[in-house]
């Protein structure tokens, strides 16, 4: 999927600087950031759901 977005001049400057420091292209860095963000959210959700399931395990057993 191709995505277009508008960012401020300051954000664009920081993105370019970070990409230069890392030796990658701006688009590559932006794509990596999106991947990291979406993967982290999935991991956070999974950890939270595991905690809820473990906490309520006895209740779920009784309801079954």
PDB file of N, CA and C in Angstrom:
ATOM      1  N   UNK A   1       0.858  -1.179   0.000  1.00  0.00           N
ATOM      2  CA  UNK A   1       0.000   0.000   0.000  1.00  0.00           C
ATOM      3  C   UNK A   1       0.892   1.226   0.000  1.00  0.00           C
ATOM      4  N   UNK A   2       0.571   2.154  -0.810  1.00  0.00           N
ATOM      5  CA  UNK A   2       1.293   3.415  -0.872  1.00  0.00           C
ATOM      6  C   UNK A   2       0.499   4.430  -0.075  1.00  0.00           C
ATOM      7  N   UNK A   3       1.200   5.227   0.746  1.00  0.00           N
ATOM      8  CA  UNK A   3       0.550   6.177   1.634  1.00  0.00           C
ATOM      9  C   UNK A   3       1.215   7.532   1.499  1.00  0.00           C
ATOM     10  N   UNK A   4       0.421   8.567   1.496  1.00  0.00           N
ATOM     11  CA  UNK A   4       0.930   9.928   1.434  1.00  0.00           C
ATOM     12  C   UNK A   4       0.453  10.673   2.663  1.00  0.00           C
ATOM     13  N   UNK A   5       1.363  11.426   3.284  1.00  0.00           N
ATOM     14  CA  UNK A   5       0.950  12.198   4.446  1.00  0.00           C
ATOM     15  C   UNK A   5       1.683  13.522   4.486  1.00  0.00           C
ATOM     16  N   UNK A   6       1.144  14.441   5.230  1.00  0.00           N
ATOM     17  CA  UNK A   6       1.733  15.776   5.347  1.00  0.00           C
ATOM     18  C   UNK A   6       2.281  15.943   6.755  1.00  0.00           C
ATOM     19  N   UNK A   7       3.562  16.353   6.830  1.00  0.00           N
ATOM     20  CA  UNK A   7       4.186  16.626   8.118  1.00  0.00           C
ATOM     21  C   UNK A   7       4.761  18.035   8.093  1.00  0.00           C
ATOM     22  N   UNK A   8       5.008  18.574   9.263  1.00  0.00           N
ATOM     23  CA  UNK A   8       5.528  19.940   9.347  1.00  0.00           C
ATOM     24  C   UNK A   8       6.967  19.984   8.833  1.00  0.00           C
ATOM     25  N   UNK A   9       7.428  21.179   8.527  1.00  0.00           N
ATOM     26  CA  UNK A   9       8.809  21.358   8.083  1.00  0.00           C
ATOM     27  C   UNK A   9       9.790  20.875   9.150  1.00  0.00           C
ATOM     28  N   UNK A  10       9.469  21.149  10.412  1.00  0.00           N
ATOM     29  CA  UNK A  10      10.334  20.723  11.513  1.00  0.00           C
ATOM     30  C   UNK A  10      10.400  19.194  11.596  1.00  0.00           C
ATOM     31  N   UNK A  11       9.251  18.539  11.467  1.00  0.00           N
ATOM     32  CA  UNK A  11       9.233  17.077  11.506  1.00  0.00           C
ATOM     33  C   UNK A  11      10.000  16.489  10.320  1.00  0.00           C
ATOM     34  N   UNK A  12       9.829  17.097   9.152  1.00  0.00           N
ATOM     35  CA  UNK A  12      10.535  16.620   7.958  1.00  0.00           C
ATOM     36  C   UNK A  12      12.040  16.772   8.131  1.00  0.00           C
ATOM     37  N   UNK A  13      12.461  17.867   8.723  1.00  0.00           N
ATOM     38  CA  UNK A  13      13.883  18.105   8.962  1.00  0.00           C
ATOM     39  C   UNK A  13      14.448  17.067   9.923  1.00  0.00           C
ATOM     40  N   UNK A  14      13.721  16.797  11.001  1.00  0.00           N
ATOM     41  CA  UNK A  14      14.177  15.800  11.968  1.00  0.00           C
ATOM     42  C   UNK A  14      14.212  14.411  11.343  1.00  0.00           C
ATOM     43  N   UNK A  15      13.240  14.111  10.504  1.00  0.00           N
ATOM     44  CA  UNK A  15      13.207  12.819   9.818  1.00  0.00           C
ATOM     45  C   UNK A  15      14.403  12.680   8.883  1.00  0.00           C
ATOM     46  N   UNK A  16      14.704  13.718   8.118  1.00  0.00           N
ATOM     47  CA  UNK A  16      15.865  13.689   7.215  1.00  0.00           C
ATOM     48  C   UNK A  16      17.168  13.512   7.999  1.00  0.00           C
ATOM     49  N   UNK A  17      17.298  14.254   9.110  1.00  0.00           N
ATOM     50  CA  UNK A  17      18.511  14.167   9.932  1.00  0.00           C
ATOM     51  C   UNK A  17      18.680  12.756  10.506  1.00  0.00           C
ATOM     52  N   UNK A  18      17.600  12.191  10.995  1.00  0.00           N
ATOM     53  CA  UNK A  18      17.659  10.842  11.561  1.00  0.00           C
ATOM     54  C   UNK A  18      18.021   9.827  10.473  1.00  0.00           C
ATOM     55  N   UNK A  19      17.432   9.974   9.293  1.00  0.00           N
ATOM     56  CA  UNK A  19      17.723   9.061   8.184  1.00  0.00           C
ATOM     57  C   UNK A  19      19.194   9.166   7.786  1.00  0.00           C
ATOM     58  N   UNK A  20      19.719  10.375   7.739  1.00  0.00           N
ATOM     59  CA  UNK A  20      21.134  10.562   7.398  1.00  0.00           C
ATOM     60  C   UNK A  20      22.041   9.918   8.446  1.00  0.00           C
ATOM     61  N   UNK A  21      21.711  10.113   9.722  1.00  0.00           N
ATOM     62  CA  UNK A  21      22.513   9.512  10.803  1.00  0.00           C
ATOM     63  C   UNK A  21      22.546   7.995  10.690  1.00  0.00           C
ATOM     64  N   UNK A  22      21.405   7.418  10.318  1.00  0.00           N
ATOM     65  CA  UNK A  22      21.283   5.967  10.234  1.00  0.00           C
ATOM     66  C   UNK A  22      21.733   5.405   8.885  1.00  0.00           C
ATOM     67  N   UNK A  23      21.968   6.277   7.933  1.00  0.00           N
ATOM     68  CA  UNK A  23      22.407   5.839   6.616  1.00  0.00           C
ATOM     69  C   UNK A  23      21.334   5.151   5.803  1.00  0.00           C
ATOM     70  N   UNK A  24      20.095   5.596   5.983  1.00  0.00           N
ATOM     71  CA  UNK A  24      18.972   5.039   5.220  1.00  0.00           C
ATOM     72  C   UNK A  24      18.195   6.179   4.576  1.00  0.00           C
ATOM     73  N   UNK A  25      17.303   5.820   3.678  1.00  0.00           N
ATOM     74  CA  UNK A  25      16.462   6.817   3.047  1.00  0.00           C
ATOM     75  C   UNK A  25      15.329   7.245   3.980  1.00  0.00           C
ATOM     76  N   UNK A  26      14.787   8.421   3.709  1.00  0.00           N
ATOM     77  CA  UNK A  26      13.693   8.952   4.519  1.00  0.00           C
ATOM     78  C   UNK A  26      12.494   8.006   4.485  1.00  0.00           C
ATOM     79  N   UNK A  27      12.153   7.509   3.302  1.00  0.00           N
ATOM     80  CA  UNK A  27      11.014   6.592   3.181  1.00  0.00           C
ATOM     81  C   UNK A  27      11.262   5.296   3.937  1.00  0.00           C
ATOM     82  N   UNK A  28      12.494   4.785   3.893  1.00  0.00           N
ATOM     83  CA  UNK A  28      12.828   3.555   4.618  1.00  0.00           C
ATOM     84  C   UNK A  28      12.666   3.759   6.120  1.00  0.00           C
ATOM     85  N   UNK A  29      13.127   4.910   6.609  1.00  0.00           N
ATOM     86  CA  UNK A  29      13.014   5.192   8.037  1.00  0.00           C
ATOM     87  C   UNK A  29      11.552   5.335   8.452  1.00  0.00           C
ATOM     88  N   UNK A  30      10.763   6.036   7.659  1.00  0.00           N
ATOM     89  CA  UNK A  30       9.342   6.207   7.970  1.00  0.00           C
ATOM     90  C   UNK A  30       8.635   4.851   7.967  1.00  0.00           C
ATOM     91  N   UNK A  31       8.961   4.006   7.004  1.00  0.00           N
ATOM     92  CA  UNK A  31       8.347   2.683   6.934  1.00  0.00           C
ATOM     93  C   UNK A  31       8.739   1.847   8.156  1.00  0.00           C
ATOM     94  N   UNK A  32       9.999   1.905   8.557  1.00  0.00           N
ATOM     95  CA  UNK A  32      10.452   1.155   9.728  1.00  0.00           C
ATOM     96  C   UNK A  32       9.744   1.645  10.983  1.00  0.00           C
ATOM     97  N   UNK A  33       9.521   2.952  11.076  1.00  0.00           N
ATOM     98  CA  UNK A  33       8.826   3.505  12.241  1.00  0.00           C
ATOM     99  C   UNK A  33       7.390   2.999  12.314  1.00  0.00           C
ATOM    100  N   UNK A  34       6.719   2.919  11.183  1.00  0.00           N
ATOM    101  CA  UNK A  34       5.345   2.418  11.153  1.00  0.00           C
ATOM    102  C   UNK A  34       5.320   0.938  11.551  1.00  0.00           C
ATOM    103  N   UNK A  35       6.258   0.159  11.038  1.00  0.00           N
ATOM    104  CA  UNK A  35       6.328  -1.261  11.380  1.00  0.00           C
ATOM    105  C   UNK A  35       6.555  -1.416  12.883  1.00  0.00           C
ATOM    106  N   UNK A  36       7.503  -0.660  13.430  1.00  0.00           N
ATOM    107  CA  UNK A  36       7.770  -0.733  14.874  1.00  0.00           C
ATOM    108  C   UNK A  36       6.539  -0.366  15.683  1.00  0.00           C
ATOM    109  N   UNK A  37       5.859   0.692  15.297  1.00  0.00           N
ATOM    110  CA  UNK A  37       4.678   1.140  16.016  1.00  0.00           C
ATOM    111  C   UNK A  37       3.580   0.085  15.993  1.00  0.00           C
ATOM    112  N   UNK A  38       3.303  -0.457  14.838  1.00  0.00           N
ATOM    113  CA  UNK A  38       2.218  -1.435  14.752  1.00  0.00           C
ATOM    114  C   UNK A  38       2.587  -2.735  15.454  1.00  0.00           C
ATOM    115  N   UNK A  39       3.840  -3.143  15.379  1.00  0.00           N
ATOM    116  CA  UNK A  39       4.262  -4.354  16.086  1.00  0.00           C
ATOM    117  C   UNK A  39       4.206  -4.154  17.596  1.00  0.00           C
ATOM    118  N   UNK A  40       4.587  -2.998  18.076  1.00  0.00           N
ATOM    119  CA  UNK A  40       4.572  -2.724  19.509  1.00  0.00           C
ATOM    120  C   UNK A  40       3.143  -2.721  20.039  1.00  0.00           C
ATOM    121  N   UNK A  41       2.228  -2.128  19.299  1.00  0.00           N
ATOM    122  CA  UNK A  41       0.841  -2.102  19.743  1.00  0.00           C
ATOM    123  C   UNK A  41       0.282  -3.515  19.840  1.00  0.00           C
ATOM    124  N   UNK A  42       0.627  -4.362  18.888  1.00  0.00           N
ATOM    125  CA  UNK A  42       0.157  -5.743  18.924  1.00  0.00           C
ATOM    126  C   UNK A  42       0.730  -6.469  20.132  1.00  0.00           C
ATOM    127  N   UNK A  43       2.003  -6.240  20.414  1.00  0.00           N
ATOM    128  CA  UNK A  43       2.642  -6.887  21.562  1.00  0.00           C
ATOM    129  C   UNK A  43       2.036  -6.382  22.869  1.00  0.00           C
ATOM    130  N   UNK A  44       1.773  -5.064  22.947  1.00  0.00           N
ATOM    131  CA  UNK A  44       1.155  -4.499  24.148  1.00  0.00           C
ATOM    132  C   UNK A  44      -0.233  -5.084  24.372  1.00  0.00           C
ATOM    133  N   UNK A  45      -1.017  -5.205  23.304  1.00  0.00           N
ATOM    134  CA  UNK A  45      -2.362  -5.772  23.420  1.00  0.00           C
ATOM    135  C   UNK A  45      -2.292  -7.223  23.879  1.00  0.00           C
ATOM    136  N   UNK A  46      -1.378  -7.977  23.297  1.00  0.00           N
ATOM    137  CA  UNK A  46      -1.255  -9.390  23.666  1.00  0.00           C
ATOM    138  C   UNK A  46      -0.859  -9.536  25.137  1.00  0.00           C
ATOM    139  N   UNK A  47       0.065  -8.708  25.597  1.00  0.00           N
ATOM    140  CA  UNK A  47       0.486  -8.779  27.002  1.00  0.00           C
ATOM    141  C   UNK A  47      -0.670  -8.423  27.934  1.00  0.00           C
ATOM    142  N   UNK A  48      -1.433  -7.396  27.563  1.00  0.00           N
ATOM    143  CA  UNK A  48      -2.569  -6.988  28.398  1.00  0.00           C
ATOM    144  C   UNK A  48      -3.642  -8.073  28.422  1.00  0.00           C
ATOM    145  N   UNK A  49      -3.932  -8.661  27.269  1.00  0.00           N
ATOM    146  CA  UNK A  49      -4.957  -9.707  27.239  1.00  0.00           C
ATOM    147  C   UNK A  49      -4.501 -10.939  28.014  1.00  0.00           C
ATOM    148  N   UNK A  50      -3.216 -11.267  27.947  1.00  0.00           N
ATOM    149  CA  UNK A  50      -2.699 -12.388  28.739  1.00  0.00           C
ATOM    150  C   UNK A  50      -2.871 -12.133  30.233  1.00  0.00           C
ATOM    151  N   UNK A  51      -2.603 -10.897  30.675  1.00  0.00           N
ATOM    152  CA  UNK A  51      -2.767 -10.555  32.098  1.00  0.00           C
ATOM    153  C   UNK A  51      -4.218 -10.687  32.527  1.00  0.00           C
ATOM    154  N   UNK A  52      -5.146 -10.217  31.694  1.00  0.00           N
ATOM    155  CA  UNK A  52      -6.570 -10.296  32.032  1.00  0.00           C
ATOM    156  C   UNK A  52      -7.025 -11.753  32.087  1.00  0.00           C
ATOM    157  N   UNK A  53      -6.618 -12.540  31.107  1.00  0.00           N
ATOM    158  CA  UNK A  53      -7.008 -13.953  31.090  1.00  0.00           C
ATOM    159  C   UNK A  53      -6.456 -14.694  32.301  1.00  0.00           C
ATOM    160  N   UNK A  54      -5.210 -14.425  32.641  1.00  0.00           N
ATOM    161  CA  UNK A  54      -4.615 -15.089  33.803  1.00  0.00           C
ATOM    162  C   UNK A  54      -5.304 -14.656  35.098  1.00  0.00           C
ATOM    163  N   UNK A  55      -5.567 -13.356  35.215  1.00  0.00           N
ATOM    164  CA  UNK A  55      -6.199 -12.811  36.418  1.00  0.00           C
ATOM    165  C   UNK A  55      -7.589 -13.418  36.636  1.00  0.00           C
ATOM    166  N   UNK A  56      -8.329 -13.626  35.550  1.00  0.00           N
ATOM    167  CA  UNK A  56      -9.711 -14.088  35.642  1.00  0.00           C
ATOM    168  C   UNK A  56      -9.874 -15.565  35.302  1.00  0.00           C
ATOM    169  N   UNK A  57      -8.796 -16.289  35.320  1.00  0.00           N
ATOM    170  CA  UNK A  57      -8.829 -17.702  34.933  1.00  0.00           C
ATOM    171  C   UNK A  57      -9.857 -18.498  35.733  1.00  0.00           C
ATOM    172  N   UNK A  58      -9.905 -18.323  37.027  1.00  0.00           N
ATOM    173  CA  UNK A  58     -10.840 -19.075  37.871  1.00  0.00           C
ATOM    174  C   UNK A  58     -12.292 -18.722  37.514  1.00  0.00           C
ATOM    175  N   UNK A  59     -12.557 -17.438  37.300  1.00  0.00           N
ATOM    176  CA  UNK A  59     -13.907 -17.004  36.933  1.00  0.00           C
ATOM    177  C   UNK A  59     -14.329 -17.655  35.609  1.00  0.00           C
ATOM    178  N   UNK A  60     -13.443 -17.630  34.611  1.00  0.00           N
ATOM    179  CA  UNK A  60     -13.771 -18.237  33.331  1.00  0.00           C
ATOM    180  C   UNK A  60     -14.004 -19.738  33.461  1.00  0.00           C
ATOM    181  N   UNK A  61     -13.241 -20.401  34.323  1.00  0.00           N
ATOM    182  CA  UNK A  61     -13.419 -21.836  34.546  1.00  0.00           C
ATOM    183  C   UNK A  61     -14.803 -22.121  35.118  1.00  0.00           C
ATOM    184  N   UNK A  62     -15.230 -21.273  36.064  1.00  0.00           N
ATOM    185  CA  UNK A  62     -16.551 -21.476  36.694  1.00  0.00           C
ATOM    186  C   UNK A  62     -17.681 -21.212  35.715  1.00  0.00           C
ATOM    187  N   UNK A  63     -17.504 -20.283  34.801  1.00  0.00           N
ATOM    188  CA  UNK A  63     -18.549 -19.941  33.841  1.00  0.00           C
ATOM    189  C   UNK A  63     -18.684 -20.986  32.736  1.00  0.00           C
ATOM    190  N   UNK A  64     -17.672 -21.781  32.538  1.00  0.00           N
ATOM    191  CA  UNK A  64     -17.678 -22.746  31.423  1.00  0.00           C
ATOM    192  C   UNK A  64     -18.650 -23.879  31.653  1.00  0.00           C
TER     193      UNK A  64
END
